[in-house]
Amino acid sequence: MTKKTTETLKIKWVRSFIGCPRSMRQTVRGLGFRRMNQVLEREDTPSIRGMIARVHHLVEIQK
């Protein structure tokens, strides 16, 4: 049995979603953010990349 190593992304929420459409708010919450300047680690999957692309102006990817 081989062990898969999954890549992870560190994502930081840097801008408020006040004034953004509801779908963007839901995307930020769907990523798992609860407060500003929070840093999360998520698996590097196409679905997570798509969510980040949707709110790219509100979050930043850290290394």
PDB file of N, CA and C in Angstrom:
ATOM      1  N   MET A   1       0.841  -1.176   0.000  1.00  0.00           N
ATOM      2  CA  MET A   1       0.000   0.000   0.000  1.00  0.00           C
ATOM      3  C   MET A   1       0.890   1.243   0.000  1.00  0.00           C
ATOM      4  N   THR A   2       0.640   2.153  -0.905  1.00  0.00           N
ATOM      5  CA  THR A   2       1.442   3.367  -0.974  1.00  0.00           C
ATOM      6  C   THR A   2       0.709   4.507  -0.289  1.00  0.00           C
ATOM      7  N   LYS A   3       1.489   5.332   0.339  1.00  0.00           N
ATOM      8  CA  LYS A   3       0.915   6.474   1.047  1.00  0.00           C
ATOM      9  C   LYS A   3       0.921   7.694   0.136  1.00  0.00           C
ATOM     10  N   LYS A   4      -0.214   8.317  -0.037  1.00  0.00           N
ATOM     11  CA  LYS A   4      -0.317   9.512  -0.874  1.00  0.00           C
ATOM     12  C   LYS A   4       0.050  10.740  -0.052  1.00  0.00           C
ATOM     13  N   THR A   5       0.894  11.582  -0.618  1.00  0.00           N
ATOM     14  CA  THR A   5       1.181  12.852   0.036  1.00  0.00           C
ATOM     15  C   THR A   5       0.379  13.923  -0.687  1.00  0.00           C
ATOM     16  N   THR A   6      -0.492  14.547   0.047  1.00  0.00           N
ATOM     17  CA  THR A   6      -1.330  15.573  -0.561  1.00  0.00           C
ATOM     18  C   THR A   6      -0.726  16.942  -0.304  1.00  0.00           C
ATOM     19  N   GLU A   7      -0.731  17.750  -1.323  1.00  0.00           N
ATOM     20  CA  GLU A   7      -0.260  19.121  -1.202  1.00  0.00           C
ATOM     21  C   GLU A   7      -1.305  19.930  -0.446  1.00  0.00           C
ATOM     22  N   THR A   8      -0.830  20.876   0.334  1.00  0.00           N
ATOM     23  CA  THR A   8      -1.756  21.753   1.048  1.00  0.00           C
ATOM     24  C   THR A   8      -1.464  23.201   0.686  1.00  0.00           C
ATOM     25  N   LEU A   9      -2.491  24.011   0.809  1.00  0.00           N
ATOM     26  CA  LEU A   9      -2.387  25.447   0.567  1.00  0.00           C
ATOM     27  C   LEU A   9      -2.671  26.170   1.873  1.00  0.00           C
ATOM     28  N   LYS A  10      -1.895  27.195   2.159  1.00  0.00           N
ATOM     29  CA  LYS A  10      -2.205  28.068   3.287  1.00  0.00           C
ATOM     30  C   LYS A  10      -2.892  29.294   2.714  1.00  0.00           C
ATOM     31  N   ILE A  11      -4.101  29.531   3.184  1.00  0.00           N
ATOM     32  CA  ILE A  11      -4.927  30.616   2.671  1.00  0.00           C
ATOM     33  C   ILE A  11      -5.211  31.578   3.822  1.00  0.00           C
ATOM     34  N   LYS A  12      -5.081  32.870   3.552  1.00  0.00           N
ATOM     35  CA  LYS A  12      -5.358  33.896   4.559  1.00  0.00           C
ATOM     36  C   LYS A  12      -6.443  34.826   4.041  1.00  0.00           C
ATOM     37  N   TRP A  13      -7.433  35.096   4.897  1.00  0.00           N
ATOM     38  CA  TRP A  13      -8.516  36.011   4.556  1.00  0.00           C
ATOM     39  C   TRP A  13      -8.045  37.418   4.922  1.00  0.00           C
ATOM     40  N   VAL A  14      -7.879  38.300   3.903  1.00  0.00           N
ATOM     41  CA  VAL A  14      -7.271  39.611   4.134  1.00  0.00           C
ATOM     42  C   VAL A  14      -8.206  40.801   3.909  1.00  0.00           C
ATOM     43  N   ARG A  15      -9.296  40.620   3.172  1.00  0.00           N
ATOM     44  CA  ARG A  15     -10.216  41.742   2.916  1.00  0.00           C
ATOM     45  C   ARG A  15     -11.635  41.347   3.283  1.00  0.00           C
ATOM     46  N   SER A  16     -12.372  42.304   3.790  1.00  0.00           N
ATOM     47  CA  SER A  16     -13.745  42.056   4.215  1.00  0.00           C
ATOM     48  C   SER A  16     -14.654  41.796   3.015  1.00  0.00           C
ATOM     49  N   PHE A  17     -15.684  41.020   3.251  1.00  0.00           N
ATOM     50  CA  PHE A  17     -16.644  40.766   2.177  1.00  0.00           C
ATOM     51  C   PHE A  17     -17.884  41.650   2.289  1.00  0.00           C
ATOM     52  N   ILE A  18     -17.798  42.710   3.084  1.00  0.00           N
ATOM     53  CA  ILE A  18     -18.909  43.674   3.174  1.00  0.00           C
ATOM     54  C   ILE A  18     -19.088  44.312   1.798  1.00  0.00           C
ATOM     55  N   GLY A  19     -20.292  44.300   1.300  1.00  0.00           N
ATOM     56  CA  GLY A  19     -20.577  44.860  -0.016  1.00  0.00           C
ATOM     57  C   GLY A  19     -20.471  43.853  -1.147  1.00  0.00           C
ATOM     58  N   CYS A  20     -20.007  42.641  -0.847  1.00  0.00           N
ATOM     59  CA  CYS A  20     -19.901  41.596  -1.873  1.00  0.00           C
ATOM     60  C   CYS A  20     -21.237  40.853  -1.981  1.00  0.00           C
ATOM     61  N   PRO A  21     -21.475  40.230  -3.125  1.00  0.00           N
ATOM     62  CA  PRO A  21     -22.690  39.424  -3.269  1.00  0.00           C
ATOM     63  C   PRO A  21     -22.712  38.250  -2.284  1.00  0.00           C
ATOM     64  N   ARG A  22     -23.896  37.776  -2.029  1.00  0.00           N
ATOM     65  CA  ARG A  22     -24.072  36.689  -1.068  1.00  0.00           C
ATOM     66  C   ARG A  22     -23.288  35.442  -1.458  1.00  0.00           C
ATOM     67  N   SER A  23     -23.182  35.161  -2.747  1.00  0.00           N
ATOM     68  CA  SER A  23     -22.457  33.969  -3.187  1.00  0.00           C
ATOM     69  C   SER A  23     -20.982  34.030  -2.797  1.00  0.00           C
ATOM     70  N   MET A  24     -20.396  35.224  -2.825  1.00  0.00           N
ATOM     71  CA  MET A  24     -18.988  35.369  -2.407  1.00  0.00           C
ATOM     72  C   MET A  24     -18.846  35.188  -0.907  1.00  0.00           C
ATOM     73  N   ARG A  25     -19.802  35.698  -0.155  1.00  0.00           N
ATOM     74  CA  ARG A  25     -19.792  35.499   1.293  1.00  0.00           C
ATOM     75  C   ARG A  25     -19.856  34.004   1.619  1.00  0.00           C
ATOM     76  N   GLN A  26     -20.721  33.301   0.909  1.00  0.00           N
ATOM     77  CA  GLN A  26     -20.864  31.868   1.146  1.00  0.00           C
ATOM     78  C   GLN A  26     -19.607  31.107   0.751  1.00  0.00           C
ATOM     79  N   THR A  27     -18.916  31.575  -0.282  1.00  0.00           N
ATOM     80  CA  THR A  27     -17.678  30.931  -0.693  1.00  0.00           C
ATOM     81  C   THR A  27     -16.603  31.093   0.376  1.00  0.00           C
ATOM     82  N   VAL A  28     -16.483  32.303   0.937  1.00  0.00           N
ATOM     83  CA  VAL A  28     -15.507  32.543   2.008  1.00  0.00           C
ATOM     84  C   VAL A  28     -15.824  31.666   3.203  1.00  0.00           C
ATOM     85  N   ARG A  29     -17.086  31.595   3.574  1.00  0.00           N
ATOM     86  CA  ARG A  29     -17.494  30.739   4.695  1.00  0.00           C
ATOM     87  C   ARG A  29     -17.285  29.262   4.349  1.00  0.00           C
ATOM     88  N   GLY A  30     -17.526  28.897   3.092  1.00  0.00           N
ATOM     89  CA  GLY A  30     -17.340  27.512   2.653  1.00  0.00           C
ATOM     90  C   GLY A  30     -15.895  27.066   2.715  1.00  0.00           C
ATOM     91  N   LEU A  31     -14.979  28.003   2.534  1.00  0.00           N
ATOM     92  CA  LEU A  31     -13.561  27.679   2.688  1.00  0.00           C
ATOM     93  C   LEU A  31     -13.215  27.389   4.147  1.00  0.00           C
ATOM     94  N   GLY A  32     -14.067  27.852   5.059  1.00  0.00           N
ATOM     95  CA  GLY A  32     -13.862  27.570   6.479  1.00  0.00           C
ATOM     96  C   GLY A  32     -13.459  28.763   7.305  1.00  0.00           C
ATOM     97  N   PHE A  33     -13.445  29.946   6.707  1.00  0.00           N
ATOM     98  CA  PHE A  33     -13.045  31.136   7.451  1.00  0.00           C
ATOM     99  C   PHE A  33     -14.134  31.566   8.421  1.00  0.00           C
ATOM    100  N   ARG A  34     -13.704  32.010   9.614  1.00  0.00           N
ATOM    101  CA  ARG A  34     -14.628  32.521  10.616  1.00  0.00           C
ATOM    102  C   ARG A  34     -14.325  33.971  10.962  1.00  0.00           C
ATOM    103  N   ARG A  35     -13.077  34.416  10.771  1.00  0.00           N
ATOM    104  CA  ARG A  35     -12.712  35.787  11.112  1.00  0.00           C
ATOM    105  C   ARG A  35     -11.601  36.279  10.184  1.00  0.00           C
ATOM    106  N   MET A  36     -11.457  37.588  10.094  1.00  0.00           N
ATOM    107  CA  MET A  36     -10.438  38.204   9.255  1.00  0.00           C
ATOM    108  C   MET A  36      -9.037  37.832   9.751  1.00  0.00           C
ATOM    109  N   ASN A  37      -8.086  37.806   8.837  1.00  0.00           N
ATOM    110  CA  ASN A  37      -6.682  37.490   9.099  1.00  0.00           C
ATOM    111  C   ASN A  37      -6.468  36.069   9.615  1.00  0.00           C
ATOM    112  N   GLN A  38      -7.459  35.221   9.461  1.00  0.00           N
ATOM    113  CA  GLN A  38      -7.327  33.824   9.838  1.00  0.00           C
ATOM    114  C   GLN A  38      -6.592  33.089   8.723  1.00  0.00           C
ATOM    115  N   VAL A  39      -5.711  32.176   9.095  1.00  0.00           N
ATOM    116  CA  VAL A  39      -4.966  31.378   8.127  1.00  0.00           C
ATOM    117  C   VAL A  39      -5.436  29.934   8.252  1.00  0.00           C
ATOM    118  N   LEU A  40      -5.799  29.348   7.113  1.00  0.00           N
ATOM    119  CA  LEU A  40      -6.257  27.958   7.069  1.00  0.00           C
ATOM    120  C   LEU A  40      -5.371  27.139   6.150  1.00  0.00           C
ATOM    121  N   GLU A  41      -5.283  25.862   6.428  1.00  0.00           N
ATOM    122  CA  GLU A  41      -4.614  24.937   5.517  1.00  0.00           C
ATOM    123  C   GLU A  41      -5.673  24.058   4.882  1.00  0.00           C
ATOM    124  N   ARG A  42      -5.695  24.046   3.574  1.00  0.00           N
ATOM    125  CA  ARG A  42      -6.644  23.232   2.820  1.00  0.00           C
ATOM    126  C   ARG A  42      -5.893  22.406   1.799  1.00  0.00           C
ATOM    127  N   GLU A  43      -6.461  21.248   1.450  1.00  0.00           N
ATOM    128  CA  GLU A  43      -5.870  20.408   0.407  1.00  0.00           C
ATOM    129  C   GLU A  43      -5.907  21.143  -0.923  1.00  0.00           C
ATOM    130  N   ASP A  44      -4.898  20.896  -1.741  1.00  0.00           N
ATOM    131  CA  ASP A  44      -4.818  21.527  -3.055  1.00  0.00           C
ATOM    132  C   ASP A  44      -5.612  20.681  -4.047  1.00  0.00           C
ATOM    133  N   THR A  45      -6.916  20.952  -4.109  1.00  0.00           N
ATOM    134  CA  THR A  45      -7.798  20.226  -5.020  1.00  0.00           C
ATOM    135  C   THR A  45      -8.425  21.211  -6.001  1.00  0.00           C
ATOM    136  N   PRO A  46      -8.914  20.725  -7.124  1.00  0.00           N
ATOM    137  CA  PRO A  46      -9.558  21.625  -8.086  1.00  0.00           C
ATOM    138  C   PRO A  46     -10.737  22.400  -7.498  1.00  0.00           C
ATOM    139  N   SER A  47     -11.485  21.791  -6.605  1.00  0.00           N
ATOM    140  CA  SER A  47     -12.637  22.490  -6.033  1.00  0.00           C
ATOM    141  C   SER A  47     -12.197  23.634  -5.123  1.00  0.00           C
ATOM    142  N   ILE A  48     -11.162  23.418  -4.334  1.00  0.00           N
ATOM    143  CA  ILE A  48     -10.641  24.481  -3.477  1.00  0.00           C
ATOM    144  C   ILE A  48     -10.023  25.584  -4.328  1.00  0.00           C
ATOM    145  N   ARG A  49      -9.302  25.199  -5.382  1.00  0.00           N
ATOM    146  CA  ARG A  49      -8.715  26.199  -6.290  1.00  0.00           C
ATOM    147  C   ARG A  49      -9.807  27.051  -6.934  1.00  0.00           C
ATOM    148  N   GLY A  50     -10.925  26.431  -7.291  1.00  0.00           N
ATOM    149  CA  GLY A  50     -12.039  27.163  -7.882  1.00  0.00           C
ATOM    150  C   GLY A  50     -12.660  28.146  -6.912  1.00  0.00           C
ATOM    151  N   MET A  51     -12.774  27.731  -5.644  1.00  0.00           N
ATOM    152  CA  MET A  51     -13.321  28.621  -4.621  1.00  0.00           C
ATOM    153  C   MET A  51     -12.386  29.811  -4.401  1.00  0.00           C
ATOM    154  N   ILE A  52     -11.089  29.543  -4.382  1.00  0.00           N
ATOM    155  CA  ILE A  52     -10.115  30.619  -4.209  1.00  0.00           C
ATOM    156  C   ILE A  52     -10.175  31.571  -5.398  1.00  0.00           C
ATOM    157  N   ALA A  53     -10.298  31.029  -6.597  1.00  0.00           N
ATOM    158  CA  ALA A  53     -10.368  31.872  -7.796  1.00  0.00           C
ATOM    159  C   ALA A  53     -11.588  32.782  -7.758  1.00  0.00           C
ATOM    160  N   ARG A  54     -12.661  32.304  -7.168  1.00  0.00           N
ATOM    161  CA  ARG A  54     -13.892  33.093  -7.107  1.00  0.00           C
ATOM    162  C   ARG A  54     -13.765  34.302  -6.182  1.00  0.00           C
ATOM    163  N   VAL A  55     -12.965  34.154  -5.122  1.00  0.00           N
ATOM    164  CA  VAL A  55     -12.798  35.245  -4.151  1.00  0.00           C
ATOM    165  C   VAL A  55     -11.327  35.656  -4.042  1.00  0.00           C
ATOM    166  N   HIS A  56     -10.616  35.613  -5.152  1.00  0.00           N
ATOM    167  CA  HIS A  56      -9.177  35.870  -5.147  1.00  0.00           C
ATOM    168  C   HIS A  56      -8.814  37.260  -4.643  1.00  0.00           C
ATOM    169  N   HIS A  57      -9.727  38.214  -4.731  1.00  0.00           N
ATOM    170  CA  HIS A  57      -9.457  39.573  -4.270  1.00  0.00           C
ATOM    171  C   HIS A  57      -9.669  39.734  -2.764  1.00  0.00           C
ATOM    172  N   LEU A  58     -10.188  38.706  -2.113  1.00  0.00           N
ATOM    173  CA  LEU A  58     -10.427  38.757  -0.672  1.00  0.00           C
ATOM    174  C   LEU A  58      -9.436  37.928   0.127  1.00  0.00           C
ATOM    175  N   VAL A  59      -8.768  36.988  -0.530  1.00  0.00           N
ATOM    176  CA  VAL A  59      -7.848  36.080   0.162  1.00  0.00           C
ATOM    177  C   VAL A  59      -6.476  36.137  -0.507  1.00  0.00           C
ATOM    178  N   GLU A  60      -5.474  35.608   0.202  1.00  0.00           N
ATOM    179  CA  GLU A  60      -4.151  35.458  -0.399  1.00  0.00           C
ATOM    180  C   GLU A  60      -3.614  34.081  -0.029  1.00  0.00           C
ATOM    181  N   ILE A  61      -2.837  33.526  -0.932  1.00  0.00           N
ATOM    182  CA  ILE A  61      -2.218  32.226  -0.700  1.00  0.00           C
ATOM    183  C   ILE A  61      -0.827  32.466  -0.174  1.00  0.00           C
ATOM    184  N   GLN A  62      -0.520  31.841   0.959  1.00  0.00           N
ATOM    185  CA  GLN A  62       0.795  31.961   1.561  1.00  0.00           C
ATOM    186  C   GLN A  62       1.598  30.698   1.280  1.00  0.00           C
ATOM    187  N   LYS A  63       2.902  30.822   1.362  1.00  0.00           N
ATOM    188  CA  LYS A  63       3.748  29.640   1.167  1.00  0.00           C
ATOM    189  C   LYS A  63       4.213  29.076   2.470  1.00  0.00           C
TER     190      LYS A  63
END
